[in-house]
Protein backbone atom coordinates (compact mmCIF):
# COMPACT_ATOMS: atom_id res chain seq x y z
CA MET A 1 113.12 153.32 68.27
CA LYS A 2 112.20 150.64 65.73
CA VAL A 3 113.74 147.20 65.83
CA ASP A 4 113.66 145.35 62.54
CA ALA A 5 112.30 141.82 62.10
CA TYR A 6 115.76 140.29 61.68
CA THR A 7 116.91 141.57 65.08
CA LYS A 8 113.72 140.36 66.77
CA THR A 9 114.09 136.94 65.17
CA MET A 10 117.72 136.59 66.22
CA LEU A 11 117.00 137.68 69.80
CA THR A 12 114.10 135.20 69.99
CA ILE A 13 116.33 132.35 68.75
CA ILE A 14 119.02 133.26 71.30
CA ALA A 15 116.44 133.39 74.12
CA ILE A 16 115.01 129.98 73.16
CA ALA A 17 118.50 128.44 72.92
CA LEU A 18 119.45 129.81 76.36
CA THR A 19 116.22 128.46 77.86
CA ILE A 20 116.91 125.00 76.40
CA LEU A 21 120.46 125.05 77.80
CA VAL A 22 119.20 125.95 81.27
CA PHE A 23 116.68 123.09 81.29
CA GLN A 24 119.17 120.56 79.90
CA ASN A 25 121.66 121.37 82.65
CA SER A 26 119.09 121.36 85.46
CA ILE A 27 117.44 117.99 84.68
CA ARG A 28 119.54 114.96 85.54
CA ASP A 29 118.98 111.23 85.38
CA VAL A 30 117.80 109.65 88.59
CA GLU A 31 120.02 106.87 89.87
CA ALA A 32 119.62 104.53 92.79
CA GLY A 33 121.63 105.45 95.87
CA SER A 34 123.21 102.04 96.27
CA ASN A 35 123.11 98.47 95.07
CA ASN A 36 122.10 97.10 98.47
CA ILE A 37 118.84 95.24 99.00
CA GLN A 38 116.32 97.10 101.18
CA LYS A 39 114.45 94.72 103.47
CA VAL A 40 110.81 95.55 104.22
CA ILE A 41 108.57 94.20 106.98
CA ILE A 42 104.78 94.37 106.57
CA CYS A 43 102.99 94.53 109.95
CA ASP A 44 99.63 95.53 111.33
CA ARG A 45 99.14 98.87 113.06
CA THR A 46 100.39 97.59 116.40
CA GLY A 47 103.51 96.04 114.89
CA TYR A 48 102.78 92.77 116.68
CA SER A 49 101.46 90.67 113.79
CA CYS A 50 103.70 90.72 110.72
CA ALA A 51 103.57 88.97 107.34
CA LYS A 52 105.94 86.06 106.86
CA ILE A 53 107.40 84.23 103.89
CA SER A 54 106.93 80.48 104.08
CA GLY A 55 107.86 78.12 101.27
CA GLY A 56 108.47 81.02 98.91
CA ALA A 57 104.97 82.46 99.44
CA LEU A 58 103.85 85.48 101.42
CA SER A 59 101.71 84.46 104.37
CA VAL A 60 99.43 87.08 105.92
CA LYS A 61 97.20 86.14 108.81
CA PRO A 62 93.98 88.13 109.09
CA THR A 63 93.72 90.21 112.21
CA THR A 64 90.68 90.06 114.47
CA ARG A 65 89.00 93.27 115.46
C-alpha cells in the first residue's frame, strides 16, 4: 500500500502539533511555596559554634582543630 506525500506531510504535521501540545501542558512555571522568610543558621559540624550577625555584618569565628 502506497501512501502519497500529502498524507505523510499532514500526518507529520499532526504528530508534531500533538507533541508540542503535550510539552506545553506538562511544563509549568515554578512558583515559591509561600511568602514567608526562611531563617537559616550556619554552624560548624558539631552545631556548637554558629555564625552571628553583629552590626549588620556576618561574624564567623574560626574553629580550632
